[in-house]
Amino acid sequence: MQPVESKQIIERFFSALDFLIESKKIRGVSTFCRYHGIKRESLIKQRNDPDRALFKVSWLTPLVRYYGINPRWLLTGFGPMIKKRK
């Protein structure tokens, strides 16, 4: 079973991923996984069962590095989802 804080981070990860897909910044889950070396099956299993321990911290990196997701929001839930550009 995942700790509450971990489940919240995972929920925010999937919220950000869904936002990026809906806003057409990412084509879909398969494309995201292929571009960033993530096992699609693991990502889908994690989404379907939040208590699974398949989530990798490295999955957060592309969201921050390439898509402008706010790392503070991902980890804590504070601040805007999208990092403001300077």
PDB file of N, CA and C in Angstrom:
ATOM      1  N   MET A   1       0.838  -1.190   0.000  1.00  0.00           N
ATOM      2  CA  MET A   1       0.000   0.000   0.000  1.00  0.00           C
ATOM      3  C   MET A   1       0.882   1.251   0.000  1.00  0.00           C
ATOM      4  N   GLN A   2       0.525   2.206  -0.824  1.00  0.00           N
ATOM      5  CA  GLN A   2       1.272   3.450  -0.938  1.00  0.00           C
ATOM      6  C   GLN A   2       0.930   4.382   0.230  1.00  0.00           C
ATOM      7  N   PRO A   3       1.933   5.114   0.741  1.00  0.00           N
ATOM      8  CA  PRO A   3       1.632   6.160   1.733  1.00  0.00           C
ATOM      9  C   PRO A   3       0.753   7.247   1.103  1.00  0.00           C
ATOM     10  N   VAL A   4      -0.009   7.942   1.931  1.00  0.00           N
ATOM     11  CA  VAL A   4      -0.935   8.974   1.448  1.00  0.00           C
ATOM     12  C   VAL A   4      -0.219  10.009   0.589  1.00  0.00           C
ATOM     13  N   GLU A   5       0.947  10.483   1.027  1.00  0.00           N
ATOM     14  CA  GLU A   5       1.674  11.505   0.277  1.00  0.00           C
ATOM     15  C   GLU A   5       2.077  10.995  -1.108  1.00  0.00           C
ATOM     16  N   SER A   6       2.494   9.753  -1.177  1.00  0.00           N
ATOM     17  CA  SER A   6       2.872   9.173  -2.470  1.00  0.00           C
ATOM     18  C   SER A   6       1.669   9.085  -3.396  1.00  0.00           C
ATOM     19  N   LYS A   7       0.529   8.670  -2.869  1.00  0.00           N
ATOM     20  CA  LYS A   7      -0.684   8.585  -3.678  1.00  0.00           C
ATOM     21  C   LYS A   7      -1.076   9.958  -4.222  1.00  0.00           C
ATOM     22  N   GLN A   8      -0.896  10.987  -3.415  1.00  0.00           N
ATOM     23  CA  GLN A   8      -1.239  12.339  -3.855  1.00  0.00           C
ATOM     24  C   GLN A   8      -0.320  12.801  -4.982  1.00  0.00           C
ATOM     25  N   ILE A   9       0.961  12.494  -4.877  1.00  0.00           N
ATOM     26  CA  ILE A   9       1.906  12.840  -5.949  1.00  0.00           C
ATOM     27  C   ILE A   9       1.539  12.093  -7.232  1.00  0.00           C
ATOM     28  N   ILE A  10       1.217  10.832  -7.100  1.00  0.00           N
ATOM     29  CA  ILE A  10       0.829  10.028  -8.265  1.00  0.00           C
ATOM     30  C   ILE A  10      -0.440  10.593  -8.896  1.00  0.00           C
ATOM     31  N   GLU A  11      -1.404  10.987  -8.079  1.00  0.00           N
ATOM     32  CA  GLU A  11      -2.634  11.598  -8.603  1.00  0.00           C
ATOM     33  C   GLU A  11      -2.324  12.877  -9.375  1.00  0.00           C
ATOM     34  N   ARG A  12      -1.420  13.704  -8.830  1.00  0.00           N
ATOM     35  CA  ARG A  12      -1.047  14.935  -9.530  1.00  0.00           C
ATOM     36  C   ARG A  12      -0.306  14.632 -10.827  1.00  0.00           C
ATOM     37  N   PHE A  13       0.535  13.610 -10.821  1.00  0.00           N
ATOM     38  CA  PHE A  13       1.219  13.192 -12.050  1.00  0.00           C
ATOM     39  C   PHE A  13       0.195  12.883 -13.140  1.00  0.00           C
ATOM     40  N   PHE A  14      -0.812  12.078 -12.806  1.00  0.00           N
ATOM     41  CA  PHE A  14      -1.808  11.707 -13.807  1.00  0.00           C
ATOM     42  C   PHE A  14      -2.690  12.892 -14.193  1.00  0.00           C
ATOM     43  N   SER A  15      -2.953  13.787 -13.273  1.00  0.00           N
ATOM     44  CA  SER A  15      -3.703  15.010 -13.603  1.00  0.00           C
ATOM     45  C   SER A  15      -2.923  15.848 -14.607  1.00  0.00           C
ATOM     46  N   ALA A  16      -1.635  16.003 -14.376  1.00  0.00           N
ATOM     47  CA  ALA A  16      -0.788  16.769 -15.291  1.00  0.00           C
ATOM     48  C   ALA A  16      -0.710  16.084 -16.653  1.00  0.00           C
ATOM     49  N   LEU A  17      -0.542  14.778 -16.658  1.00  0.00           N
ATOM     50  CA  LEU A  17      -0.475  14.027 -17.908  1.00  0.00           C
ATOM     51  C   LEU A  17      -1.774  14.198 -18.695  1.00  0.00           C
ATOM     52  N   ASP A  18      -2.909  14.078 -18.021  1.00  0.00           N
ATOM     53  CA  ASP A  18      -4.205  14.259 -18.688  1.00  0.00           C
ATOM     54  C   ASP A  18      -4.345  15.684 -19.231  1.00  0.00           C
ATOM     55  N   PHE A  19      -3.918  16.667 -18.447  1.00  0.00           N
ATOM     56  CA  PHE A  19      -3.972  18.060 -18.896  1.00  0.00           C
ATOM     57  C   PHE A  19      -3.145  18.253 -20.172  1.00  0.00           C
ATOM     58  N   LEU A  20      -1.944  17.696 -20.184  1.00  0.00           N
ATOM     59  CA  LEU A  20      -1.070  17.846 -21.346  1.00  0.00           C
ATOM     60  C   LEU A  20      -1.646  17.161 -22.578  1.00  0.00           C
ATOM     61  N   ILE A  21      -2.311  16.036 -22.386  1.00  0.00           N
ATOM     62  CA  ILE A  21      -2.954  15.339 -23.506  1.00  0.00           C
ATOM     63  C   ILE A  21      -4.151  16.150 -24.001  1.00  0.00           C
ATOM     64  N   GLU A  22      -4.974  16.635 -23.069  1.00  0.00           N
ATOM     65  CA  GLU A  22      -6.158  17.415 -23.452  1.00  0.00           C
ATOM     66  C   GLU A  22      -5.772  18.717 -24.157  1.00  0.00           C
ATOM     67  N   SER A  23      -4.648  19.316 -23.740  1.00  0.00           N
ATOM     68  CA  SER A  23      -4.214  20.570 -24.359  1.00  0.00           C
ATOM     69  C   SER A  23      -3.336  20.328 -25.594  1.00  0.00           C
ATOM     70  N   LYS A  24      -3.225  19.059 -25.997  1.00  0.00           N
ATOM     71  CA  LYS A  24      -2.510  18.648 -27.213  1.00  0.00           C
ATOM     72  C   LYS A  24      -1.003  18.921 -27.177  1.00  0.00           C
ATOM     73  N   LYS A  25      -0.444  19.014 -25.983  1.00  0.00           N
ATOM     74  CA  LYS A  25       1.013  19.143 -25.858  1.00  0.00           C
ATOM     75  C   LYS A  25       1.681  17.766 -25.923  1.00  0.00           C
ATOM     76  N   ILE A  26       0.896  16.741 -25.626  1.00  0.00           N
ATOM     77  CA  ILE A  26       1.323  15.347 -25.745  1.00  0.00           C
ATOM     78  C   ILE A  26       0.229  14.644 -26.545  1.00  0.00           C
ATOM     79  N   ARG A  27       0.625  13.795 -27.469  1.00  0.00           N
ATOM     80  CA  ARG A  27      -0.364  13.105 -28.300  1.00  0.00           C
ATOM     81  C   ARG A  27      -1.195  12.105 -27.501  1.00  0.00           C
ATOM     82  N   GLY A  28      -0.530  11.366 -26.608  1.00  0.00           N
ATOM     83  CA  GLY A  28      -1.229  10.366 -25.803  1.00  0.00           C
ATOM     84  C   GLY A  28      -0.265   9.663 -24.873  1.00  0.00           C
ATOM     85  N   VAL A  29      -0.793   8.755 -24.082  1.00  0.00           N
ATOM     86  CA  VAL A  29       0.007   8.027 -23.097  1.00  0.00           C
ATOM     87  C   VAL A  29       1.098   7.213 -23.777  1.00  0.00           C
ATOM     88  N   SER A  30       0.758   6.532 -24.859  1.00  0.00           N
ATOM     89  CA  SER A  30       1.752   5.697 -25.548  1.00  0.00           C
ATOM     90  C   SER A  30       2.929   6.532 -26.050  1.00  0.00           C
ATOM     91  N   THR A  31       2.616   7.675 -26.628  1.00  0.00           N
ATOM     92  CA  THR A  31       3.663   8.556 -27.138  1.00  0.00           C
ATOM     93  C   THR A  31       4.532   9.068 -25.996  1.00  0.00           C
ATOM     94  N   PHE A  32       3.900   9.514 -24.914  1.00  0.00           N
ATOM     95  CA  PHE A  32       4.638   9.998 -23.747  1.00  0.00           C
ATOM     96  C   PHE A  32       5.588   8.911 -23.243  1.00  0.00           C
ATOM     97  N   CYS A  33       5.090   7.706 -23.104  1.00  0.00           N
ATOM     98  CA  CYS A  33       5.913   6.601 -22.601  1.00  0.00           C
ATOM     99  C   CYS A  33       7.061   6.281 -23.551  1.00  0.00           C
ATOM    100  N   ARG A  34       6.774   6.231 -24.826  1.00  0.00           N
ATOM    101  CA  ARG A  34       7.804   5.902 -25.811  1.00  0.00           C
ATOM    102  C   ARG A  34       8.906   6.963 -25.834  1.00  0.00           C
ATOM    103  N   TYR A  35       8.538   8.238 -25.836  1.00  0.00           N
ATOM    104  CA  TYR A  35       9.526   9.324 -25.873  1.00  0.00           C
ATOM    105  C   TYR A  35      10.404   9.374 -24.626  1.00  0.00           C
ATOM    106  N   HIS A  36       9.861   8.938 -23.494  1.00  0.00           N
ATOM    107  CA  HIS A  36      10.570   9.129 -22.231  1.00  0.00           C
ATOM    108  C   HIS A  36      10.993   7.829 -21.551  1.00  0.00           C
ATOM    109  N   GLY A  37      10.959   6.730 -22.293  1.00  0.00           N
ATOM    110  CA  GLY A  37      11.480   5.464 -21.797  1.00  0.00           C
ATOM    111  C   GLY A  37      10.726   4.895 -20.606  1.00  0.00           C
ATOM    112  N   ILE A  38       9.419   5.068 -20.616  1.00  0.00           N
ATOM    113  CA  ILE A  38       8.575   4.563 -19.531  1.00  0.00           C
ATOM    114  C   ILE A  38       7.818   3.348 -20.054  1.00  0.00           C
ATOM    115  N   LYS A  39       7.749   2.300 -19.256  1.00  0.00           N
ATOM    116  CA  LYS A  39       6.976   1.126 -19.652  1.00  0.00           C
ATOM    117  C   LYS A  39       5.490   1.470 -19.570  1.00  0.00           C
ATOM    118  N   ARG A  40       4.849   1.473 -20.722  1.00  0.00           N
ATOM    119  CA  ARG A  40       3.435   1.836 -20.790  1.00  0.00           C
ATOM    120  C   ARG A  40       2.579   0.943 -19.902  1.00  0.00           C
ATOM    121  N   GLU A  41       2.880  -0.343 -19.899  1.00  0.00           N
ATOM    122  CA  GLU A  41       2.099  -1.288 -19.100  1.00  0.00           C
ATOM    123  C   GLU A  41       2.163  -0.936 -17.613  1.00  0.00           C
ATOM    124  N   SER A  42       3.339  -0.535 -17.151  1.00  0.00           N
ATOM    125  CA  SER A  42       3.499  -0.157 -15.739  1.00  0.00           C
ATOM    126  C   SER A  42       2.701   1.105 -15.432  1.00  0.00           C
ATOM    127  N   LEU A  43       2.754   2.071 -16.336  1.00  0.00           N
ATOM    128  CA  LEU A  43       2.019   3.314 -16.128  1.00  0.00           C
ATOM    129  C   LEU A  43       0.514   3.043 -16.068  1.00  0.00           C
ATOM    130  N   ILE A  44       0.009   2.228 -16.982  1.00  0.00           N
ATOM    131  CA  ILE A  44      -1.423   1.905 -17.011  1.00  0.00           C
ATOM    132  C   ILE A  44      -1.820   1.132 -15.760  1.00  0.00           C
ATOM    133  N   LYS A  45      -1.016   0.157 -15.361  1.00  0.00           N
ATOM    134  CA  LYS A  45      -1.322  -0.604 -14.141  1.00  0.00           C
ATOM    135  C   LYS A  45      -1.347   0.306 -12.922  1.00  0.00           C
ATOM    136  N   GLN A  46      -0.406   1.262 -12.858  1.00  0.00           N
ATOM    137  CA  GLN A  46      -0.368   2.192 -11.726  1.00  0.00           C
ATOM    138  C   GLN A  46      -1.619   3.059 -11.709  1.00  0.00           C
ATOM    139  N   ARG A  47      -2.018   3.528 -12.877  1.00  0.00           N
ATOM    140  CA  ARG A  47      -3.227   4.367 -12.956  1.00  0.00           C
ATOM    141  C   ARG A  47      -4.465   3.595 -12.514  1.00  0.00           C
ATOM    142  N   ASN A  48      -4.565   2.354 -12.933  1.00  0.00           N
ATOM    143  CA  ASN A  48      -5.735   1.544 -12.607  1.00  0.00           C
ATOM    144  C   ASN A  48      -5.771   1.078 -11.164  1.00  0.00           C
ATOM    145  N   ASP A  49      -4.620   0.994 -10.530  1.00  0.00           N
ATOM    146  CA  ASP A  49      -4.549   0.547  -9.131  1.00  0.00           C
ATOM    147  C   ASP A  49      -3.552   1.424  -8.379  1.00  0.00           C
ATOM    148  N   PRO A  50      -4.024   2.540  -7.799  1.00  0.00           N
ATOM    149  CA  PRO A  50      -3.135   3.489  -7.122  1.00  0.00           C
ATOM    150  C   PRO A  50      -2.317   2.896  -5.967  1.00  0.00           C
ATOM    151  N   ASP A  51      -2.722   1.745  -5.445  1.00  0.00           N
ATOM    152  CA  ASP A  51      -1.962   1.130  -4.352  1.00  0.00           C
ATOM    153  C   ASP A  51      -0.760   0.322  -4.840  1.00  0.00           C
ATOM    154  N   ARG A  52      -0.656   0.124  -6.133  1.00  0.00           N
ATOM    155  CA  ARG A  52       0.499  -0.603  -6.676  1.00  0.00           C
ATOM    156  C   ARG A  52       1.754   0.224  -6.473  1.00  0.00           C
ATOM    157  N   ALA A  53       2.858  -0.420  -6.364  1.00  0.00           N
ATOM    158  CA  ALA A  53       4.136   0.271  -6.151  1.00  0.00           C
ATOM    159  C   ALA A  53       4.979   0.229  -7.426  1.00  0.00           C
ATOM    160  N   LEU A  54       4.384   0.635  -8.544  1.00  0.00           N
ATOM    161  CA  LEU A  54       5.088   0.630  -9.822  1.00  0.00           C
ATOM    162  C   LEU A  54       5.620   2.000 -10.198  1.00  0.00           C
ATOM    163  N   PHE A  55       5.117   3.042  -9.567  1.00  0.00           N
ATOM    164  CA  PHE A  55       5.459   4.420  -9.925  1.00  0.00           C
ATOM    165  C   PHE A  55       6.941   4.687  -9.696  1.00  0.00           C
ATOM    166  N   LYS A  56       7.556   5.335 -10.678  1.00  0.00           N
ATOM    167  CA  LYS A  56       8.968   5.718 -10.597  1.00  0.00           C
ATOM    168  C   LYS A  56       9.059   7.236 -10.491  1.00  0.00           C
ATOM    169  N   VAL A  57       9.875   7.714  -9.595  1.00  0.00           N
ATOM    170  CA  VAL A  57      10.078   9.155  -9.442  1.00  0.00           C
ATOM    171  C   VAL A  57      10.547   9.762 -10.764  1.00  0.00           C
ATOM    172  N   SER A  58      11.305   9.014 -11.521  1.00  0.00           N
ATOM    173  CA  SER A  58      11.813   9.517 -12.807  1.00  0.00           C
ATOM    174  C   SER A  58      10.687   9.856 -13.782  1.00  0.00           C
ATOM    175  N   TRP A  59       9.484   9.354 -13.571  1.00  0.00           N
ATOM    176  CA  TRP A  59       8.362   9.692 -14.441  1.00  0.00           C
ATOM    177  C   TRP A  59       8.012  11.178 -14.328  1.00  0.00           C
ATOM    178  N   LEU A  60       8.362  11.801 -13.213  1.00  0.00           N
ATOM    179  CA  LEU A  60       8.061  13.213 -13.005  1.00  0.00           C
ATOM    180  C   LEU A  60       8.969  14.121 -13.850  1.00  0.00           C
ATOM    181  N   THR A  61      10.177  13.668 -14.107  1.00  0.00           N
ATOM    182  CA  THR A  61      11.188  14.500 -14.758  1.00  0.00           C
ATOM    183  C   THR A  61      10.743  15.089 -16.096  1.00  0.00           C
ATOM    184  N   PRO A  62      10.214  14.294 -17.040  1.00  0.00           N
ATOM    185  CA  PRO A  62       9.829  14.906 -18.316  1.00  0.00           C
ATOM    186  C   PRO A  62       8.726  15.953 -18.170  1.00  0.00           C
ATOM    187  N   LEU A  63       7.826  15.754 -17.212  1.00  0.00           N
ATOM    188  CA  LEU A  63       6.764  16.743 -17.010  1.00  0.00           C
ATOM    189  C   LEU A  63       7.354  18.100 -16.661  1.00  0.00           C
ATOM    190  N   VAL A  64       8.379  18.081 -15.829  1.00  0.00           N
ATOM    191  CA  VAL A  64       9.028  19.327 -15.398  1.00  0.00           C
ATOM    192  C   VAL A  64       9.956  19.854 -16.486  1.00  0.00           C
ATOM    193  N   ARG A  65      10.789  18.981 -17.018  1.00  0.00           N
ATOM    194  CA  ARG A  65      11.841  19.401 -17.955  1.00  0.00           C
ATOM    195  C   ARG A  65      11.302  19.853 -19.309  1.00  0.00           C
ATOM    196  N   TYR A  66      10.324  19.137 -19.840  1.00  0.00           N
ATOM    197  CA  TYR A  66       9.901  19.398 -21.215  1.00  0.00           C
ATOM    198  C   TYR A  66       8.528  20.055 -21.361  1.00  0.00           C
ATOM    199  N   TYR A  67       7.690  19.951 -20.333  1.00  0.00           N
ATOM    200  CA  TYR A  67       6.307  20.406 -20.499  1.00  0.00           C
ATOM    201  C   TYR A  67       5.907  21.527 -19.540  1.00  0.00           C
ATOM    202  N   GLY A  68       6.835  22.038 -18.748  1.00  0.00           N
ATOM    203  CA  GLY A  68       6.562  23.201 -17.911  1.00  0.00           C
ATOM    204  C   GLY A  68       5.700  22.964 -16.689  1.00  0.00           C
ATOM    205  N   ILE A  69       5.575  21.708 -16.270  1.00  0.00           N
ATOM    206  CA  ILE A  69       4.808  21.436 -15.057  1.00  0.00           C
ATOM    207  C   ILE A  69       5.633  21.888 -13.856  1.00  0.00           C
ATOM    208  N   ASN A  70       4.986  22.533 -12.925  1.00  0.00           N
ATOM    209  CA  ASN A  70       5.620  23.087 -11.737  1.00  0.00           C
ATOM    210  C   ASN A  70       6.035  21.956 -10.783  1.00  0.00           C
ATOM    211  N   PRO A  71       7.329  21.792 -10.516  1.00  0.00           N
ATOM    212  CA  PRO A  71       7.764  20.710  -9.637  1.00  0.00           C
ATOM    213  C   PRO A  71       7.228  20.863  -8.205  1.00  0.00           C
ATOM    214  N   ARG A  72       7.085  22.096  -7.753  1.00  0.00           N
ATOM    215  CA  ARG A  72       6.531  22.319  -6.409  1.00  0.00           C
ATOM    216  C   ARG A  72       5.102  21.792  -6.339  1.00  0.00           C
ATOM    217  N   TRP A  73       4.325  22.065  -7.370  1.00  0.00           N
ATOM    218  CA  TRP A  73       2.943  21.573  -7.412  1.00  0.00           C
ATOM    219  C   TRP A  73       2.929  20.040  -7.448  1.00  0.00           C
ATOM    220  N   LEU A  74       3.784  19.448  -8.280  1.00  0.00           N
ATOM    221  CA  LEU A  74       3.817  17.987  -8.375  1.00  0.00           C
ATOM    222  C   LEU A  74       4.084  17.337  -7.026  1.00  0.00           C
ATOM    223  N   LEU A  75       5.038  17.894  -6.278  1.00  0.00           N
ATOM    224  CA  LEU A  75       5.452  17.259  -5.022  1.00  0.00           C
ATOM    225  C   LEU A  75       4.598  17.641  -3.824  1.00  0.00           C
ATOM    226  N   THR A  76       4.073  18.877  -3.826  1.00  0.00           N
ATOM    227  CA  THR A  76       3.374  19.352  -2.627  1.00  0.00           C
ATOM    228  C   THR A  76       1.906  19.690  -2.846  1.00  0.00           C
ATOM    229  N   GLY A  77       1.532  19.955  -4.073  1.00  0.00           N
ATOM    230  CA  GLY A  77       0.174  20.387  -4.355  1.00  0.00           C
ATOM    231  C   GLY A  77      -0.006  21.891  -4.236  1.00  0.00           C
ATOM    232  N   PHE A  78       1.050  22.613  -3.885  1.00  0.00           N
ATOM    233  CA  PHE A  78       0.972  24.070  -3.737  1.00  0.00           C
ATOM    234  C   PHE A  78       1.442  24.762  -5.006  1.00  0.00           C
ATOM    235  N   GLY A  79       0.804  25.890  -5.293  1.00  0.00           N
ATOM    236  CA  GLY A  79       1.167  26.669  -6.466  1.00  0.00           C
ATOM    237  C   GLY A  79       0.393  26.205  -7.685  1.00  0.00           C
ATOM    238  N   PRO A  80       0.638  26.863  -8.818  1.00  0.00           N
ATOM    239  CA  PRO A  80      -0.054  26.494 -10.058  1.00  0.00           C
ATOM    240  C   PRO A  80       0.543  25.227 -10.670  1.00  0.00           C
ATOM    241  N   MET A  81      -0.265  24.517 -11.434  1.00  0.00           N
ATOM    242  CA  MET A  81       0.224  23.318 -12.113  1.00  0.00           C
ATOM    243  C   MET A  81       1.306  23.673 -13.134  1.00  0.00           C
ATOM    244  N   ILE A  82       1.081  24.740 -13.869  1.00  0.00           N
ATOM    245  CA  ILE A  82       2.016  25.151 -14.909  1.00  0.00           C
ATOM    246  C   ILE A  82       2.963  26.196 -14.333  1.00  0.00           C
ATOM    247  N   LYS A  83       4.244  25.964 -14.508  1.00  0.00           N
ATOM    248  CA  LYS A  83       5.257  26.905 -14.021  1.00  0.00           C
ATOM    249  C   LYS A  83       5.247  28.147 -14.890  1.00  0.00           C
ATOM    250  N   LYS A  84       5.218  29.296 -14.251  1.00  0.00           N
ATOM    251  CA  LYS A  84       5.230  30.549 -15.001  1.00  0.00           C
ATOM    252  C   LYS A  84       6.606  30.747 -15.626  1.00  0.00           C
ATOM    253  N   ARG A  85       6.598  31.183 -16.854  1.00  0.00           N
ATOM    254  CA  ARG A  85       7.857  31.441 -17.564  1.00  0.00           C
ATOM    255  C   ARG A  85       8.378  32.807 -17.159  1.00  0.00           C
ATOM    256  N   LYS A  86       9.692  32.901 -17.022  1.00  0.00           N
ATOM    257  CA  LYS A  86      10.319  34.169 -16.636  1.00  0.00           C
ATOM    258  C   LYS A  86      10.682  34.975 -17.834  1.00  0.00           C
TER     259      LYS A  86
END
